[in-house]
């Protein structure tokens, strides 16, 4: 007997029709949804809605199904069955007030399966796991609930932290905020932090009894916000991060030397923030990202764009990852993410060309093919990009 699936109403507010069509709309068309599943795209190109809450609540009022999914325009849904199974779970467990694709636990662990631009993040969970908060990228509520308790339309929140606020509202009323695997790629081109601090302070004031709250965009620490963290504490945290990344880089260097003379370099860098610049400096015609499946599940998503370049992603079993590296074409920037240290040398040996190995605490270990390391040198030229244990 297969998973129980519930048709959903997918509500998205958009300001870029091209992004909507290449990401969310395309993934729904190709994803084999239930016949009753619908997409309600709320047009905000002209700025009619001044907050995400106002736009999403408008979409919820148009919904025909029992579960409403709020999602960003630049999301590619890699499994409509998983989304509809999550909706069935929500209906079957009324103690859950809000369920999402990715959240942060009380201990700061990212929960849920998501690819953030080019990097897989989060601990996979097939059953709902309680979280401090959920990311706005995708979350589900029942239609009856959201009509009675709509998303906040506060001008202080505007386009930030509205899912965080909803999670705290549910938790304050004794209901659960939880995350579960709903595989997706968030093909984000920018990171909008304008007025995020205002949103966090507003949430902190409203739910003073529940803070501090961990989110994917930092910690909501009360009315004074994250600014209460002292400069020495931030400096010490940065030093610990640099030390940990350096230890990881040293381990990679040793494995590469064990396989012969390395043909690439090892850098400390978050490739999520640099992949577009890497493609530009390399003169690439496309960007392809693959990562190894850790549970046997595979998925592919194509037809997206980043700065006018064709962009595709895939989660593959290990032989498929090796084959993808061996089959890389000239002009293609190929990025392998979500790697373990012992996987780097065998993968690098698959081709005779140069490569770059990178490591960052939040982005993990990655391997880049299709670009001369020298051409990319400006991207990691700072002392912070070189491991402390450089050998």
Protein backbone atom coordinates (compact mmCIF):
# COMPACT_ATOMS: atom_id res chain seq x y z
CA UNK A 1 0.00 0.00 0.00
CA UNK A 2 1.44 3.37 -1.03
CA UNK A 3 1.70 6.63 0.88
CA UNK A 4 -1.48 8.53 1.59
CA UNK A 5 -1.52 11.70 -0.51
CA UNK A 6 -3.72 14.75 -0.07
CA UNK A 7 -4.20 17.31 -2.88
CA UNK A 8 -2.98 20.76 -1.91
CA UNK A 9 -3.42 24.39 -2.88
CA UNK A 10 0.04 25.85 -3.57
CA UNK A 11 0.02 29.59 -2.94
CA UNK A 12 2.91 31.72 -4.16
CA UNK A 13 3.31 35.49 -4.35
CA UNK A 14 5.61 36.44 -7.24
CA UNK A 15 7.27 39.55 -8.65
CA UNK A 16 9.19 37.87 -11.49
CA UNK A 17 7.07 35.81 -13.91
CA UNK A 18 10.14 34.25 -15.57
CA UNK A 19 11.44 32.91 -12.26
CA UNK A 20 8.01 31.57 -11.35
CA UNK A 21 7.68 29.74 -14.68
CA UNK A 22 11.17 28.22 -14.68
CA UNK A 23 11.07 27.07 -11.05
CA UNK A 24 7.82 26.52 -9.18
CA UNK A 25 5.40 26.31 -12.12
CA UNK A 26 7.69 24.04 -14.14
CA UNK A 27 8.24 21.67 -11.22
CA UNK A 28 4.51 21.30 -10.59
CA UNK A 29 3.81 20.59 -14.26
CA UNK A 30 6.46 17.88 -14.34
CA UNK A 31 5.94 16.52 -10.85
CA UNK A 32 2.83 14.34 -11.29
CA UNK A 33 0.62 16.04 -8.71
CA UNK A 34 -2.81 14.79 -7.71
CA UNK A 35 -5.53 15.86 -10.09
CA UNK A 36 -7.00 18.31 -7.59
CA UNK A 37 -3.70 19.94 -6.61
CA UNK A 38 -3.66 23.58 -7.76
CA UNK A 39 -1.24 26.49 -8.00
CA UNK A 40 -2.51 29.91 -6.98
CA UNK A 41 0.02 32.48 -8.17
CA UNK A 42 -0.54 35.90 -6.62
CA UNK A 43 0.75 38.64 -8.93
CA UNK A 44 2.73 41.30 -7.10
CA UNK A 45 4.76 42.65 -10.03
CA UNK A 46 3.22 46.08 -9.51
CA UNK A 47 3.67 45.98 -5.72
CA UNK A 48 -0.04 45.86 -4.93
CA UNK A 49 0.65 43.85 -1.76
CA UNK A 50 2.91 45.49 0.79
CA UNK A 51 3.57 42.35 2.80
CA UNK A 52 3.93 38.65 2.18
CA UNK A 53 1.16 37.99 4.68
CA UNK A 54 -1.35 40.12 2.79
CA UNK A 55 -0.57 38.37 -0.51
CA UNK A 56 -0.53 34.86 0.93
CA UNK A 57 -3.76 35.35 2.86
CA UNK A 58 -5.39 36.53 -0.35
CA UNK A 59 -4.25 33.34 -2.05
CA UNK A 60 -5.46 31.19 0.84
CA UNK A 61 -8.96 32.63 0.49
CA UNK A 62 -9.01 31.39 -3.11
CA UNK A 63 -7.85 27.87 -2.20
CA UNK A 64 -10.14 24.90 -2.83
CA UNK A 65 -8.22 22.21 -0.96
CA UNK A 66 -8.01 21.39 2.74
CA UNK A 67 -4.25 22.08 2.96
CA UNK A 68 -2.57 25.28 1.80
CA UNK A 69 1.14 25.34 0.92
CA UNK A 70 2.92 28.69 1.03
CA UNK A 71 6.05 28.64 -1.13
CA UNK A 72 8.58 30.99 -2.74
CA UNK A 73 8.56 31.64 -6.49
CA UNK A 74 12.16 30.41 -6.91
CA UNK A 75 11.53 26.94 -5.46
CA UNK A 76 11.72 23.81 -7.61
CA UNK A 77 9.67 21.05 -5.99
CA UNK A 78 11.50 17.77 -6.52
CA UNK A 79 8.73 15.52 -5.21
CA UNK A 80 5.05 16.40 -5.46
CA UNK A 81 4.20 13.03 -3.85
CA UNK A 82 6.30 14.00 -0.81
CA UNK A 83 4.51 17.34 -0.58
CA UNK A 84 1.08 15.70 -0.77
CA UNK A 85 2.14 13.06 1.74
CA UNK A 86 3.14 15.85 4.12
CA UNK A 87 -0.31 17.37 3.65
CA UNK A 88 -1.89 14.04 4.59
CA UNK A 89 0.31 13.93 7.69
CA UNK A 90 -0.79 17.42 8.68
CA UNK A 91 -4.45 16.48 8.46
CA UNK A 92 -3.87 13.25 10.39
CA UNK A 93 -2.01 14.96 13.24
CA UNK A 94 -4.06 17.94 14.46
CA UNK A 95 -1.50 18.66 17.19
CA UNK A 96 0.75 20.05 14.42
CA UNK A 97 -0.17 23.67 13.81
CA UNK A 98 2.33 24.27 11.01
CA UNK A 99 4.54 21.88 9.01
CA UNK A 100 7.43 22.92 6.78
CA UNK A 101 10.20 21.70 4.52
CA UNK A 102 13.09 23.06 6.58
CA UNK A 103 13.40 24.29 10.13
CA UNK A 104 15.88 24.76 12.94
CA UNK A 105 15.79 22.75 16.15
CA UNK A 106 16.32 24.10 19.65
CA UNK A 107 19.95 22.92 19.42
CA UNK A 108 20.49 24.80 16.15
CA UNK A 109 20.35 21.77 13.84
CA UNK A 110 18.82 22.32 10.40
CA UNK A 111 16.03 19.78 9.90
CA UNK A 112 14.55 18.75 6.52
CA UNK A 113 15.81 18.03 3.00
CA UNK A 114 16.53 21.14 0.95
CA UNK A 115 19.10 22.23 -1.61
CA UNK A 116 20.01 25.83 -0.83
CA UNK A 117 21.03 27.08 -4.28
CA UNK A 118 23.73 24.46 -4.93
CA UNK A 119 24.27 22.80 -1.54
CA UNK A 120 22.13 20.15 0.20
CA UNK A 121 21.29 21.18 3.75
CA UNK A 122 19.50 19.68 6.68
CA UNK A 123 19.09 16.38 8.48
CA UNK A 124 16.62 14.19 6.65
CA UNK A 125 13.48 13.19 8.56
CA UNK A 126 10.63 11.10 7.22
CA UNK A 127 8.43 11.88 10.24
CA UNK A 128 7.61 15.37 11.55
CA UNK A 129 10.33 16.64 13.89
CA UNK A 130 9.69 19.53 16.27
CA UNK A 131 11.57 22.73 15.49
CA UNK A 132 12.06 26.16 16.99
CA UNK A 133 11.01 27.75 13.70
CA UNK A 134 10.44 27.09 10.00
CA UNK A 135 11.94 28.84 7.00
CA UNK A 136 9.54 30.80 4.80
CA UNK A 137 10.69 28.87 1.72
CA UNK A 138 7.82 26.35 2.11
CA UNK A 139 5.31 25.62 4.88
CA UNK A 140 1.85 24.07 5.15
CA UNK A 141 -1.25 24.86 7.18
CA UNK A 142 -4.83 23.69 6.96
CA UNK A 143 -7.12 26.01 5.03
CA UNK A 144 -9.64 26.19 7.86
CA UNK A 145 -6.92 27.22 10.30
CA UNK A 146 -5.30 29.88 8.13
CA UNK A 147 -8.67 31.45 7.37
CA UNK A 148 -9.29 31.69 11.12
CA UNK A 149 -5.69 32.52 12.03
CA UNK A 150 -4.15 34.21 8.96
CA UNK A 151 -0.49 34.93 8.29
CA UNK A 152 0.61 38.14 9.98
CA UNK A 153 0.27 41.25 7.83
CA UNK A 154 2.26 43.42 10.23
CA UNK A 155 4.36 46.05 8.41
CA UNK A 156 7.21 45.19 10.79
CA UNK A 157 7.38 41.71 9.26
CA UNK A 158 6.58 42.64 5.66
CA UNK A 159 8.65 40.06 3.71
CA UNK A 160 10.57 38.48 6.60
CA UNK A 161 9.96 36.09 9.51
CA UNK A 162 6.25 35.56 8.86
CA UNK A 163 6.70 31.78 9.08
CA UNK A 164 8.77 32.24 12.24
CA UNK A 165 5.97 34.32 13.76
CA UNK A 166 3.39 31.71 12.76
CA UNK A 167 5.46 28.94 14.37
CA UNK A 168 5.69 30.86 17.63
CA UNK A 169 1.97 31.61 17.52
CA UNK A 170 1.25 27.90 17.17
CA UNK A 171 3.69 26.97 19.91
CA UNK A 172 2.28 29.61 22.25
CA UNK A 173 -1.16 28.02 21.81
CA UNK A 174 0.14 24.52 22.58
CA UNK A 175 0.43 23.29 19.00
CA UNK A 176 3.54 21.93 17.28
CA UNK A 177 5.78 23.49 14.68
CA UNK A 178 7.50 20.69 12.78
CA UNK A 179 9.63 19.93 9.73
CA UNK A 180 9.52 16.88 7.45
CA UNK A 181 11.27 15.90 4.24
CA UNK A 182 9.77 17.72 1.24
CA UNK A 183 12.72 17.68 -1.21
CA UNK A 184 13.21 20.98 -3.04
CA UNK A 185 15.80 23.23 -4.60
CA UNK A 186 15.71 26.88 -3.57
CA UNK A 187 17.18 28.58 -6.65
CA UNK A 188 17.74 31.85 -4.85
CA UNK A 189 19.69 34.55 -6.66
CA UNK A 190 19.87 37.05 -3.80
CA UNK A 191 19.80 37.24 -0.04
CA UNK A 192 17.46 39.99 1.07
CA UNK A 193 18.32 41.11 4.60
CA UNK A 194 16.68 44.55 4.47
CA UNK A 195 14.64 45.08 7.64
CA UNK A 196 15.26 41.53 8.85
CA UNK A 197 16.41 42.97 12.17
CA UNK A 198 13.13 44.89 12.45
CA UNK A 199 11.16 41.70 11.87
CA UNK A 200 13.17 39.76 14.44
CA UNK A 201 12.76 42.46 17.08
CA UNK A 202 9.02 42.54 16.45
CA UNK A 203 8.74 38.76 16.83
CA UNK A 204 10.91 38.89 19.95
CA UNK A 205 8.68 41.49 21.58
CA UNK A 206 5.50 39.60 20.77
CA UNK A 207 6.77 36.24 22.02
CA UNK A 208 9.13 37.33 24.79
CA UNK A 209 8.39 34.15 26.74
CA UNK A 210 9.62 31.90 23.92
CA UNK A 211 12.87 33.61 22.94
CA UNK A 212 15.64 32.98 22.14
CA UNK A 213 14.41 31.27 18.96
CA UNK A 214 16.72 29.75 16.37
CA UNK A 215 15.93 30.44 12.71
CA UNK A 216 17.64 29.87 9.37
CA UNK A 217 18.46 33.59 9.39
CA UNK A 218 19.94 33.79 12.87
CA UNK A 219 18.65 33.91 16.43
CA UNK A 220 15.64 35.94 17.54
CA UNK A 221 16.96 37.01 20.92
CA UNK A 222 14.28 39.35 22.17
CA UNK A 223 13.53 43.03 21.72
CA UNK A 224 17.19 43.97 21.28
CA UNK A 225 17.69 41.18 18.73
CA UNK A 226 20.88 39.43 17.78
CA UNK A 227 22.84 42.66 18.35
CA UNK A 228 23.06 41.59 22.04
CA UNK A 229 25.86 39.22 20.98
CA UNK A 230 29.11 40.92 22.00
CA UNK A 231 31.99 41.60 19.63
CA UNK A 232 34.37 39.29 21.56
CA UNK A 233 31.80 36.48 21.41
CA UNK A 234 31.36 36.94 17.66
CA UNK A 235 35.14 37.00 17.20
CA UNK A 236 35.55 33.80 19.23
CA UNK A 237 32.80 32.08 17.27
CA UNK A 238 34.48 33.07 14.00
CA UNK A 239 37.82 31.73 15.21
CA UNK A 240 36.24 28.40 16.17
CA UNK A 241 34.66 28.15 12.74
CA UNK A 242 37.98 28.91 11.00
CA UNK A 243 39.78 26.34 13.15
CA UNK A 244 37.20 23.63 12.39
CA UNK A 245 37.28 24.33 8.66
CA UNK A 246 41.08 24.24 8.69
CA UNK A 247 41.11 20.84 10.35
CA UNK A 248 38.68 19.57 7.70
CA UNK A 249 40.81 21.02 4.91
CA UNK A 250 43.94 19.35 6.27
CA UNK A 251 42.14 16.00 6.20
CA UNK A 252 41.21 16.56 2.53
CA UNK A 253 44.76 17.56 1.60
CA UNK A 254 46.09 14.35 3.12
CA UNK A 255 43.63 12.19 1.18
CA UNK A 256 44.53 13.95 -2.07
CA UNK A 257 48.26 13.47 -1.49
CA UNK A 258 47.63 9.83 -0.77
CA UNK A 259 46.31 9.47 -4.32
CA UNK A 260 49.29 11.12 -5.97
CA UNK A 261 50.15 14.72 -6.80
CA UNK A 262 47.02 16.91 -6.48
CA UNK A 263 45.97 18.78 -9.63
CA UNK A 264 43.80 21.27 -7.77
CA UNK A 265 43.71 23.51 -4.75
CA UNK A 266 41.82 23.44 -1.47
CA UNK A 267 40.06 26.60 -0.29
CA UNK A 268 37.78 27.63 2.55
CA UNK A 269 34.72 29.15 0.88
CA UNK A 270 30.93 28.95 0.81
CA UNK A 271 30.23 28.00 -2.80
CA UNK A 272 26.56 29.02 -2.49
CA UNK A 273 27.67 32.64 -2.53
CA UNK A 274 30.30 32.25 -5.25
CA UNK A 275 28.98 29.80 -7.84
CA UNK A 276 27.65 32.50 -10.17
CA UNK A 277 30.93 34.41 -10.08
CA UNK A 278 32.79 31.14 -10.69
CA UNK A 279 30.70 30.47 -13.80
CA UNK A 280 31.35 34.00 -15.06
CA UNK A 281 35.11 33.86 -14.52
CA UNK A 282 35.30 30.41 -16.12
CA UNK A 283 33.30 31.52 -19.17
CA UNK A 284 30.85 28.67 -18.58
CA UNK A 285 27.76 28.10 -20.70
CA UNK A 286 25.89 26.15 -18.02
CA UNK A 287 25.97 25.12 -14.36
CA UNK A 288 25.30 21.55 -13.32
CA UNK A 289 25.19 20.45 -9.68
CA UNK A 290 25.16 16.87 -8.42
CA UNK A 291 25.29 15.41 -4.94
CA UNK A 292 25.46 11.81 -3.75
CA UNK A 293 22.30 10.21 -2.39
CA UNK A 294 22.71 8.99 1.17
CA UNK A 295 19.43 7.07 1.35
CA UNK A 296 19.20 5.61 -2.15
CA UNK A 297 16.64 8.14 -3.39
CA UNK A 298 17.42 9.94 -6.64
CA UNK A 299 16.00 13.12 -8.17
CA UNK A 300 16.80 15.53 -10.99
CA UNK A 301 15.63 19.02 -11.82
CA UNK A 302 16.44 21.00 -14.95
CA UNK A 303 15.22 23.92 -16.99
CA UNK A 304 16.22 26.52 -14.41
CA UNK A 305 18.51 29.50 -14.96
CA UNK A 306 21.09 31.46 -13.01
CA UNK A 307 22.12 34.79 -14.56
CA UNK A 308 21.07 33.57 -17.99
CA UNK A 309 22.95 30.25 -17.75
CA UNK A 310 21.18 26.90 -17.90
CA UNK A 311 21.07 25.42 -14.40
CA UNK A 312 20.32 21.82 -13.44
CA UNK A 313 20.65 19.78 -10.26
CA UNK A 314 20.58 16.09 -9.44
CA UNK A 315 20.84 13.79 -6.45
CA UNK A 316 22.39 10.53 -7.68
CA UNK A 317 23.68 7.25 -6.35
CA UNK A 318 27.48 7.15 -6.22
CA UNK A 319 28.00 5.48 -9.63
CA UNK A 320 25.82 8.21 -11.12
CA UNK A 321 27.95 10.92 -9.49
CA UNK A 322 31.12 9.36 -10.91
CA UNK A 323 29.50 9.06 -14.34
CA UNK A 324 28.40 12.71 -14.23
CA UNK A 325 31.97 13.84 -13.56
CA UNK A 326 33.34 11.61 -16.33
CA UNK A 327 30.72 12.92 -18.78
CA UNK A 328 31.20 16.62 -18.04
CA UNK A 329 31.30 18.64 -21.25
CA UNK A 330 33.57 21.57 -22.15
CA UNK A 331 32.05 24.87 -21.11
CA UNK A 332 30.00 23.27 -18.33
CA UNK A 333 30.73 24.23 -14.74
CA UNK A 334 30.20 20.99 -12.79
CA UNK A 335 29.87 21.22 -9.02
CA UNK A 336 29.67 18.18 -6.75
CA UNK A 337 28.40 19.03 -3.27
CA UNK A 338 27.50 17.19 -0.08
CA UNK A 339 30.73 15.18 -0.15
CA UNK A 340 32.72 13.37 2.52
CA UNK A 341 36.49 13.71 2.83
CA UNK A 342 37.17 10.15 1.69
CA UNK A 343 35.16 10.70 -1.49
CA UNK A 344 37.23 13.59 -2.81
CA UNK A 345 40.32 11.75 -4.10
CA UNK A 346 38.45 8.99 -6.00
CA UNK A 347 36.21 11.57 -7.63
CA UNK A 348 39.08 13.88 -8.55
CA UNK A 349 40.83 10.89 -10.16
CA UNK A 350 37.86 10.41 -12.51
CA UNK A 351 39.15 13.14 -14.83
CA UNK A 352 42.54 14.47 -15.85
CA UNK A 353 41.55 18.12 -15.66
CA UNK A 354 42.11 20.61 -12.84
CA UNK A 355 39.66 21.10 -10.01
CA UNK A 356 39.02 23.13 -6.88
CA UNK A 357 38.06 21.58 -3.54
CA UNK A 358 36.21 23.79 -1.11
CA UNK A 359 34.97 23.60 2.45
CA UNK A 360 32.74 25.78 4.61
CA UNK A 361 31.01 25.00 7.89
CA UNK A 362 27.53 25.81 6.58
CA UNK A 363 28.02 24.55 3.00
CA UNK A 364 30.03 21.40 3.62
CA UNK A 365 32.61 19.90 1.29
CA UNK A 366 32.47 20.49 -2.49
CA UNK A 367 34.43 19.76 -5.65
CA UNK A 368 34.38 22.02 -8.71
CA UNK A 369 35.30 20.98 -12.26
CA UNK A 370 35.34 22.88 -15.54
CA UNK A 371 37.39 25.90 -14.54
CA UNK A 372 41.07 26.70 -14.31
CA UNK A 373 41.93 27.33 -10.64
CA UNK A 374 43.93 30.39 -11.63
CA UNK A 375 40.90 32.01 -13.24
CA UNK A 376 38.93 31.59 -10.02
CA UNK A 377 41.69 32.79 -7.69
CA UNK A 378 40.06 36.21 -7.06
CA UNK A 379 37.10 34.45 -5.41
CA UNK A 380 39.20 33.10 -2.56
CA UNK A 381 42.14 35.46 -2.31
CA UNK A 382 41.67 36.53 1.32
CA UNK A 383 43.69 35.01 4.19
CA UNK A 384 40.39 33.65 5.55
CA UNK A 385 40.15 31.39 2.48
CA UNK A 386 43.41 29.60 3.31
CA UNK A 387 43.45 26.87 5.93
CA UNK A 388 45.40 27.47 9.12
CA UNK A 389 47.04 24.05 8.72
CA UNK A 390 48.24 24.74 5.18
CA UNK A 391 50.94 22.24 4.21
